[in-house]
Protein backbone atom coordinates (compact mmCIF):
# COMPACT_ATOMS: atom_id res chain seq x y z
CA MET A 1 43.63 0.01 -89.22
CA THR A 2 40.37 1.90 -89.57
CA ALA A 3 37.57 0.32 -91.59
CA SER A 4 36.46 1.90 -94.86
CA LEU A 5 33.03 1.97 -96.48
CA ASP A 6 34.38 -0.60 -98.96
CA ASP A 7 35.29 -2.87 -96.03
CA LEU A 8 31.77 -2.52 -94.62
CA ARG A 9 30.21 -3.14 -98.02
CA ARG A 10 32.19 -6.38 -98.35
CA ILE A 11 31.10 -7.49 -94.87
CA ALA A 12 27.47 -6.72 -95.76
CA GLU A 13 27.53 -8.49 -99.12
CA VAL A 14 29.56 -11.54 -98.05
CA GLU A 15 28.43 -12.15 -94.47
CA PHE A 16 24.87 -10.80 -94.73
CA GLY A 17 24.02 -11.55 -98.34
CA ASN A 18 20.75 -13.04 -97.12
CA LEU A 19 19.71 -9.51 -96.06
CA VAL A 20 21.44 -7.16 -98.50
CA THR A 21 20.14 -6.96 -102.06
CA ASP A 22 22.29 -4.08 -103.35
CA SER A 23 24.57 -1.22 -102.33
CA GLN A 24 25.05 2.29 -103.64
CA PRO A 25 27.64 4.94 -102.78
CA LEU A 26 26.05 8.28 -101.88
CA GLY A 27 28.85 10.80 -101.48
CA GLU A 28 30.22 10.28 -97.98
CA LYS A 29 27.73 7.49 -97.27
CA LEU A 30 27.06 3.99 -98.47
CA ARG A 31 23.45 2.85 -98.79
CA LEU A 32 22.57 -0.81 -98.39
CA PHE A 33 19.21 -2.01 -99.69
CA LEU A 34 17.63 -4.80 -97.65
CA THR A 35 15.30 -7.65 -98.57
CA ASP A 36 12.28 -6.18 -96.74
CA GLY A 37 12.36 -2.91 -98.71
CA SER A 38 14.16 -0.95 -96.00
CA TYR A 39 17.64 0.49 -96.33
CA MET A 40 20.67 1.28 -94.25
CA ASP A 41 23.00 4.27 -94.55
CA LEU A 42 26.57 3.82 -93.37
CA TRP A 43 28.69 6.87 -92.64
CA LEU A 44 32.36 7.11 -91.65
CA SER A 45 33.86 10.50 -90.92
CA ARG A 46 36.64 11.56 -93.24
CA LYS A 47 37.83 14.20 -90.76
CA LEU A 48 37.59 12.46 -87.38
CA SER A 49 39.07 8.98 -87.25
CA GLY A 50 36.74 6.45 -85.69
CA ARG A 51 33.55 8.56 -85.93
CA PHE A 52 30.68 6.61 -87.54
CA GLY A 53 26.95 6.14 -87.87
CA PHE A 54 24.90 3.14 -89.00
CA HIS A 55 21.28 4.12 -89.68
CA TRP A 56 18.59 1.53 -90.55
CA GLU A 57 15.64 3.39 -92.06
CA ARG A 58 12.19 1.80 -91.71
CA ARG A 59 9.89 4.82 -91.28
CA HIS A 60 8.30 4.14 -94.68
CA ILE A 61 7.49 0.59 -93.48
CA ASP A 62 6.56 0.84 -89.80
CA LYS A 63 7.54 4.38 -88.66
CA THR A 64 10.77 3.20 -86.96
CA PHE A 65 14.47 3.65 -87.44
CA TYR A 66 17.50 2.33 -85.64
CA ARG A 67 20.87 4.02 -85.43
CA TYR A 68 24.15 3.13 -83.80
CA ASP A 69 26.62 6.00 -83.73
CA ASN A 70 29.26 7.71 -81.67
CA PHE A 71 28.45 11.34 -82.37
CA PRO A 72 29.09 13.01 -79.00
CA ASN A 73 25.68 14.61 -78.55
CA THR A 74 25.59 15.88 -74.96
CA ALA A 75 21.87 15.07 -74.80
CA TRP A 76 22.94 11.42 -74.52
CA GLY A 77 25.71 12.09 -71.99
CA ASN A 78 23.86 10.07 -69.35
CA VAL A 79 24.14 6.87 -71.43
CA ASN A 80 26.82 4.70 -69.84
CA THR A 81 28.44 3.87 -73.21
CA TYR A 82 28.62 7.56 -74.24
CA PRO A 83 29.48 8.71 -76.85
CA TYR A 84 28.45 5.32 -78.31
CA HIS A 85 24.67 5.07 -78.21
CA PHE A 86 21.74 3.32 -79.88
CA HIS A 87 18.52 4.89 -81.14
CA ASN A 88 16.13 1.99 -80.64
CA GLY A 89 13.16 2.75 -82.87
CA SER A 90 13.14 6.56 -82.73
CA GLN A 91 15.27 9.65 -82.20
CA SER A 92 14.27 9.92 -78.53
CA ALA A 93 14.54 6.21 -77.60
CA VAL A 94 18.26 6.30 -76.84
CA GLU A 95 20.01 3.65 -74.80
CA ALA A 96 23.43 2.20 -74.09
CA ALA A 97 24.98 0.74 -77.21
CA PRO A 98 24.71 -3.07 -77.17
CA PHE A 99 27.25 -3.27 -80.00
CA ALA A 100 31.05 -3.36 -80.09
CA PRO A 101 32.78 0.05 -80.28
CA ASP A 102 35.15 -1.16 -83.02
CA ILE A 103 33.71 -0.09 -86.39
CA SER A 104 33.86 -3.47 -88.16
CA ALA A 105 32.81 -5.51 -85.12
CA GLY A 106 30.09 -2.99 -84.25
CA PHE A 107 28.78 -3.11 -87.81
CA ARG A 108 28.61 -6.91 -87.65
CA ASP A 109 26.77 -6.67 -84.32
CA PHE A 110 24.36 -4.13 -85.79
CA MET A 111 23.73 -6.38 -88.82
CA HIS A 112 23.03 -9.32 -86.50
CA PHE A 113 20.48 -7.09 -84.74
CA VAL A 114 18.87 -6.32 -88.12
CA GLU A 115 18.88 -10.01 -89.01
CA THR A 116 17.14 -10.89 -85.73
CA GLU A 117 14.55 -8.13 -86.14
CA LEU A 118 13.72 -9.19 -89.70
CA ALA A 119 13.36 -12.83 -88.63
CA SER A 120 10.81 -11.97 -85.91
């Protein structure tokens, strides 16, 4: 079974309630508002099963953003987890995805990354 945005919202609110203050549907995305004033946009493709993107936006705080996605951009074809890849702070800082490829498990991994970053 493929995860839905509602499934991810429940994970965020139940398992990461210490980080998530609110959520808001935005068309094909779900926005999560975080305790530090940043936010995260979650996107699941309606056309291509299993295609996703989790984007943690912090440019308004410290000029960084973090994104885990599996959009098959050939610019990242050299990444050994391609098409899964991780933008670690900026668009050009792309590396192998340290998160699970399964949508729900990968989202949990990504949220644990966020939790660790906010604690440091």
